[in-house]
Amino acid sequence: MEIDLSLGEFVLFVFAGIFTGIINTLAGSGSLITLPIFMFICGLPPSVANATNRIGVFMQSAVATQRFNKTFPGLFKGVEWLAIPAVVGALIGSKIAVDLNEKLMNYSIGTLMVIMLIVLLLKPSRWLKAEGEGGSNRKSWKSILIFFVIGVYGGFLQAGVGVFLLAAMVLVSQYNLKQANGIKLLMVLCFTIPALLLFIYYDKVHFAYGILMGVFQSIGAWLGVRFISKIPNSEVWIYRVLIVVIAVSAIKMFVSV
């Protein structure tokens, strides 16, 4: 598989990759940037773009998870209660994604994003609490079911899954936003691996474009974690980025239909 990009397209790749890595680390929905690039710049079919996108997600998640683990020791303790159902769900979702119904999924994501934006704006205090309960509800049947469903969605499409993971961890599993942001990256890494392997099995992955984008996304992920660890009250900035990302994502999903 070859790379066929003009100089301008390559520059777009660089900036989009770095920006996406930062956005995915601070909030999520960076795939709403990379998916159109794979489809309209690289000329990949939607199903191949969806699968190829997982390479960059895997690479940036691995870098960001390692950085978070080093910066915030002990953050990932007990997360297997959420990761295992998400991984099982991702296997199911990625199998469904082999035949992607893009129009229906765009409507669904757009509607969910609008709902999420309303939840964010109505009660900011639930998101901006300085201390969480360390995932006190992670072993509840509700958490396990919700993360299974999110895993199905993440395996299916990926775009926007970081936002849903943050919402579930803050509102259901009782993490604060900074904790949830780090654990979100580990969760994405866990369920991206089986999804990517399944897509490779079905020969849906364009490795050259995926790895190229992944390199720049990894740089962005490293910068994103550095921002979170160095900036005081980073929860406030994560919250603000989250609002912008969700609003733009919702508009983009409805416009794309």
Protein backbone atom coordinates (compact mmCIF):
# COMPACT_ATOMS: atom_id res chain seq x y z
CA MET A 1 0.00 0.00 0.00
CA GLU A 2 1.46 3.32 -1.09
CA ILE A 3 1.07 6.90 0.12
CA ASP A 4 -0.07 9.34 -2.57
CA LEU A 5 -0.15 12.82 -1.05
CA SER A 6 0.78 16.24 -2.40
CA LEU A 7 2.91 18.55 -0.24
CA GLY A 8 -0.19 20.46 0.85
CA GLU A 9 -2.01 17.24 1.75
CA PHE A 10 1.01 16.03 3.73
CA VAL A 11 1.10 19.29 5.70
CA LEU A 12 -2.62 18.83 6.40
CA PHE A 13 -1.84 15.32 7.62
CA VAL A 14 0.79 16.65 10.03
CA PHE A 15 -1.40 19.36 11.57
CA ALA A 16 -4.54 17.20 11.64
CA GLY A 17 -2.65 14.34 13.31
CA ILE A 18 -1.10 16.50 16.04
CA PHE A 19 -4.33 18.39 16.68
CA THR A 20 -6.33 15.16 16.80
CA GLY A 21 -3.89 13.63 19.29
CA ILE A 22 -4.29 16.66 21.57
CA ILE A 23 -8.09 16.71 21.27
CA ASN A 24 -8.42 12.98 21.92
CA THR A 25 -6.25 13.32 25.02
CA LEU A 26 -8.16 16.30 26.43
CA ALA A 27 -11.66 15.22 25.45
CA GLY A 28 -12.39 12.96 22.47
CA SER A 29 -14.04 12.89 19.02
CA GLY A 30 -10.77 13.47 17.15
CA SER A 31 -11.85 10.76 14.73
CA LEU A 32 -14.37 13.24 13.35
CA ILE A 33 -11.30 14.98 11.91
CA THR A 34 -9.27 11.99 10.76
CA LEU A 35 -12.13 10.02 9.19
CA PRO A 36 -12.96 12.72 6.59
CA ILE A 37 -9.24 13.09 5.80
CA PHE A 38 -8.91 9.38 5.14
CA MET A 39 -12.04 9.41 2.96
CA PHE A 40 -11.72 12.69 1.03
CA ILE A 41 -7.95 13.27 0.92
CA CYS A 42 -6.75 9.67 0.74
CA GLY A 43 -9.77 8.36 -1.18
CA LEU A 44 -10.46 5.45 1.16
CA PRO A 45 -13.97 3.90 1.29
CA PRO A 46 -15.84 4.62 4.57
CA SER A 47 -15.37 1.10 5.94
CA VAL A 48 -11.62 1.16 5.17
CA ALA A 49 -11.24 4.68 6.59
CA ASN A 50 -13.06 3.56 9.75
CA ALA A 51 -10.70 0.60 10.13
CA THR A 52 -7.51 2.49 9.18
CA ASN A 53 -8.33 5.15 11.75
CA ARG A 54 -7.81 2.57 14.53
CA ILE A 55 -4.03 2.50 13.91
CA GLY A 56 -3.64 6.14 14.95
CA VAL A 57 -6.05 5.65 17.85
CA PHE A 58 -3.98 2.70 19.07
CA MET A 59 -0.66 4.55 18.75
CA GLN A 60 -1.79 7.78 20.43
CA SER A 61 -3.60 5.87 23.20
CA ALA A 62 -0.49 3.80 23.93
CA VAL A 63 1.67 6.93 24.21
CA ALA A 64 -0.86 8.86 26.31
CA THR A 65 -1.57 5.89 28.61
CA GLN A 66 2.12 5.40 29.30
CA ARG A 67 2.52 9.10 30.08
CA PHE A 68 -0.52 9.15 32.36
CA ASN A 69 0.67 6.05 34.21
CA LYS A 70 4.04 7.69 34.81
CA THR A 71 2.58 11.06 35.80
CA PHE A 72 -0.29 9.76 37.97
CA PRO A 73 0.81 6.46 39.60
CA GLY A 74 -2.00 4.16 40.74
CA LEU A 75 -4.62 5.80 38.50
CA PHE A 76 -5.46 2.58 36.67
CA LYS A 77 -6.01 0.39 39.74
CA GLY A 78 -9.23 -1.64 39.45
CA VAL A 79 -10.05 -0.42 35.95
CA GLU A 80 -10.34 -4.00 34.67
CA TRP A 81 -13.96 -3.99 35.92
CA LEU A 82 -14.72 -1.45 33.21
CA ALA A 83 -12.20 -2.52 30.56
CA ILE A 84 -13.27 -6.17 30.23
CA PRO A 85 -16.93 -5.51 29.31
CA ALA A 86 -15.77 -2.72 26.97
CA VAL A 87 -13.38 -5.08 25.16
CA VAL A 88 -16.11 -7.73 24.76
CA GLY A 89 -18.42 -5.05 23.39
CA ALA A 90 -15.74 -3.78 21.00
CA LEU A 91 -15.39 -7.23 19.43
CA ILE A 92 -19.11 -7.27 18.69
CA GLY A 93 -19.13 -3.67 17.44
CA SER A 94 -16.15 -4.11 15.13
CA LYS A 95 -17.79 -7.17 13.55
CA ILE A 96 -20.90 -5.09 12.86
CA ALA A 97 -18.75 -2.29 11.41
CA VAL A 98 -17.56 -4.45 8.52
CA ASP A 99 -20.81 -3.37 6.82
CA LEU A 100 -21.14 0.22 8.08
CA ASN A 101 -24.51 2.00 7.88
CA GLU A 102 -23.04 5.50 7.90
CA LYS A 103 -26.26 7.53 7.55
CA LEU A 104 -28.04 5.91 10.50
CA MET A 105 -24.90 6.14 12.64
CA ASN A 106 -24.48 9.86 11.88
CA TYR A 107 -28.03 10.56 13.08
CA SER A 108 -27.48 8.49 16.22
CA ILE A 109 -24.16 10.14 17.12
CA GLY A 110 -25.49 13.62 16.41
CA THR A 111 -28.50 13.06 18.68
CA LEU A 112 -26.35 11.65 21.48
CA MET A 113 -23.95 14.58 21.20
CA VAL A 114 -26.79 17.09 21.55
CA ILE A 115 -28.02 15.26 24.65
CA MET A 116 -24.49 15.21 26.06
CA LEU A 117 -24.07 18.95 25.43
CA ILE A 118 -27.28 19.65 27.36
CA VAL A 119 -26.07 17.51 30.26
CA LEU A 120 -22.73 19.35 30.29
CA LEU A 121 -24.29 22.80 30.32
CA LEU A 122 -27.10 22.14 32.79
CA LYS A 123 -24.95 21.05 35.74
CA PRO A 124 -21.24 21.87 35.31
CA SER A 125 -20.51 21.10 38.98
CA ARG A 126 -20.90 17.37 38.33
CA TRP A 127 -18.01 17.57 35.86
CA LEU A 128 -15.76 20.04 37.65
CA LYS A 129 -15.51 18.43 41.08
CA ALA A 130 -11.88 18.53 42.21
CA GLU A 131 -11.99 15.12 43.86
CA GLY A 132 -13.78 12.01 42.70
CA GLU A 133 -14.59 8.86 44.63
CA GLY A 134 -11.97 6.90 42.72
CA GLY A 135 -14.45 4.90 40.68
CA SER A 136 -16.52 3.74 43.64
CA ASN A 137 -19.29 2.45 41.36
CA ARG A 138 -17.09 0.66 38.83
CA LYS A 139 -18.18 -2.80 40.05
CA SER A 140 -21.91 -2.09 39.80
CA TRP A 141 -24.00 -3.89 37.19
CA LYS A 142 -24.97 -0.49 35.77
CA SER A 143 -21.32 0.47 35.11
CA ILE A 144 -20.51 -2.91 33.58
CA LEU A 145 -23.53 -2.75 31.25
CA ILE A 146 -22.86 0.84 30.21
CA PHE A 147 -19.21 0.17 29.42
CA PHE A 148 -20.17 -2.92 27.43
CA VAL A 149 -22.51 -0.77 25.30
CA ILE A 150 -19.83 1.91 24.89
CA GLY A 151 -17.41 -0.84 23.84
CA VAL A 152 -19.86 -2.00 21.15
CA TYR A 153 -20.09 1.56 19.85
CA GLY A 154 -16.31 2.07 20.05
CA GLY A 155 -15.67 -1.12 18.10
CA PHE A 156 -18.28 -0.07 15.56
CA LEU A 157 -17.22 3.49 14.77
CA GLN A 158 -14.80 5.02 17.36
CA ALA A 159 -15.73 8.65 16.59
CA GLY A 160 -17.03 10.28 19.76
CA VAL A 161 -16.37 7.29 22.01
CA GLY A 162 -14.02 9.30 24.24
CA VAL A 163 -16.86 11.69 25.09
CA PHE A 164 -19.17 8.82 26.05
CA LEU A 165 -16.43 7.20 28.15
CA LEU A 166 -15.83 10.47 30.03
CA ALA A 167 -19.55 10.88 30.70
CA ALA A 168 -19.90 7.32 31.99
CA MET A 169 -16.85 7.55 34.24
CA VAL A 170 -17.79 10.92 35.74
CA LEU A 171 -21.57 10.53 36.01
CA VAL A 172 -21.85 6.78 36.69
CA SER A 173 -18.52 5.49 38.03
CA GLN A 174 -17.78 8.57 40.18
CA TYR A 175 -14.33 9.57 38.88
CA ASN A 176 -13.40 13.23 38.63
CA LEU A 177 -12.75 14.60 35.15
CA LYS A 178 -8.94 14.43 35.34
CA GLN A 179 -9.03 10.80 36.56
CA ALA A 180 -11.61 9.90 33.94
CA ASN A 181 -9.53 11.46 31.18
CA GLY A 182 -6.54 9.25 31.93
CA ILE A 183 -8.58 6.07 32.35
CA LYS A 184 -10.46 6.87 29.15
CA LEU A 185 -7.19 6.56 27.22
CA LEU A 186 -6.43 3.15 28.73
CA MET A 187 -9.97 1.98 27.94
CA VAL A 188 -9.69 3.12 24.33
CA LEU A 189 -6.35 1.34 24.03
CA CYS A 190 -7.84 -1.90 25.41
CA PHE A 191 -10.79 -2.13 23.07
CA THR A 192 -8.97 -0.75 20.03
CA ILE A 193 -6.61 -3.74 19.98
CA PRO A 194 -9.24 -6.46 19.30
CA ALA A 195 -11.15 -4.16 16.94
CA LEU A 196 -8.00 -3.42 14.92
CA LEU A 197 -7.06 -7.09 14.75
CA LEU A 198 -10.52 -7.96 13.45
CA PHE A 199 -10.34 -5.24 10.80
CA ILE A 200 -6.90 -6.52 9.75
CA TYR A 201 -8.36 -10.02 9.44
CA TYR A 202 -11.02 -8.70 7.08
CA ASP A 203 -8.36 -6.78 5.10
CA LYS A 204 -9.92 -3.38 5.81
CA VAL A 205 -6.79 -1.51 6.96
CA HIS A 206 -4.55 0.77 4.87
CA PHE A 207 -1.36 0.50 6.92
CA ALA A 208 0.65 3.26 5.23
CA TYR A 209 -1.89 6.03 5.80
CA GLY A 210 -2.80 4.69 9.23
CA ILE A 211 0.76 4.59 10.54
CA LEU A 212 1.60 8.01 9.06
CA MET A 213 -1.38 9.60 10.80
CA GLY A 214 -0.60 7.63 13.97
CA VAL A 215 2.89 9.10 14.25
CA PHE A 216 1.55 12.65 14.36
CA GLN A 217 -1.36 11.69 16.62
CA SER A 218 1.16 10.24 19.07
CA ILE A 219 3.01 13.56 19.17
CA GLY A 220 -0.28 15.30 19.90
CA ALA A 221 -1.13 12.80 22.64
CA TRP A 222 2.23 13.42 24.35
CA LEU A 223 1.59 17.18 24.24
CA GLY A 224 -1.94 16.70 25.59
CA VAL A 225 -0.81 14.74 28.65
CA ARG A 226 1.91 17.31 29.31
CA PHE A 227 -0.73 20.04 29.27
CA ILE A 228 -2.94 18.17 31.75
CA SER A 229 -0.08 17.51 34.16
CA LYS A 230 1.42 21.01 34.07
CA ILE A 231 -1.56 23.39 33.95
CA PRO A 232 -3.34 24.21 37.24
CA ASN A 233 -7.10 23.52 37.26
CA SER A 234 -6.78 21.54 34.04
CA GLU A 235 -10.27 20.09 34.71
CA VAL A 236 -11.73 23.47 33.74
CA TRP A 237 -9.85 23.46 30.44
CA ILE A 238 -10.85 19.86 29.73
CA TYR A 239 -14.48 20.82 30.40
CA ARG A 240 -14.28 23.78 28.01
CA VAL A 241 -12.65 21.73 25.25
CA LEU A 242 -15.28 19.05 25.80
CA ILE A 243 -18.12 21.52 25.23
CA VAL A 244 -16.57 22.83 22.00
CA VAL A 245 -15.78 19.33 20.71
CA ILE A 246 -19.30 18.03 21.41
CA ALA A 247 -20.99 21.06 19.82
CA VAL A 248 -18.85 20.86 16.66
CA SER A 249 -19.23 17.06 16.49
CA ALA A 250 -23.02 17.24 16.72
CA ILE A 251 -23.21 19.84 13.93
CA LYS A 252 -20.82 17.86 11.74
CA MET A 253 -22.78 14.63 12.19
CA PHE A 254 -26.09 16.18 11.13
CA VAL A 255 -24.52 18.10 8.23
CA SER A 256 -22.81 14.93 6.97
CA VAL A 257 -26.09 13.03 6.61
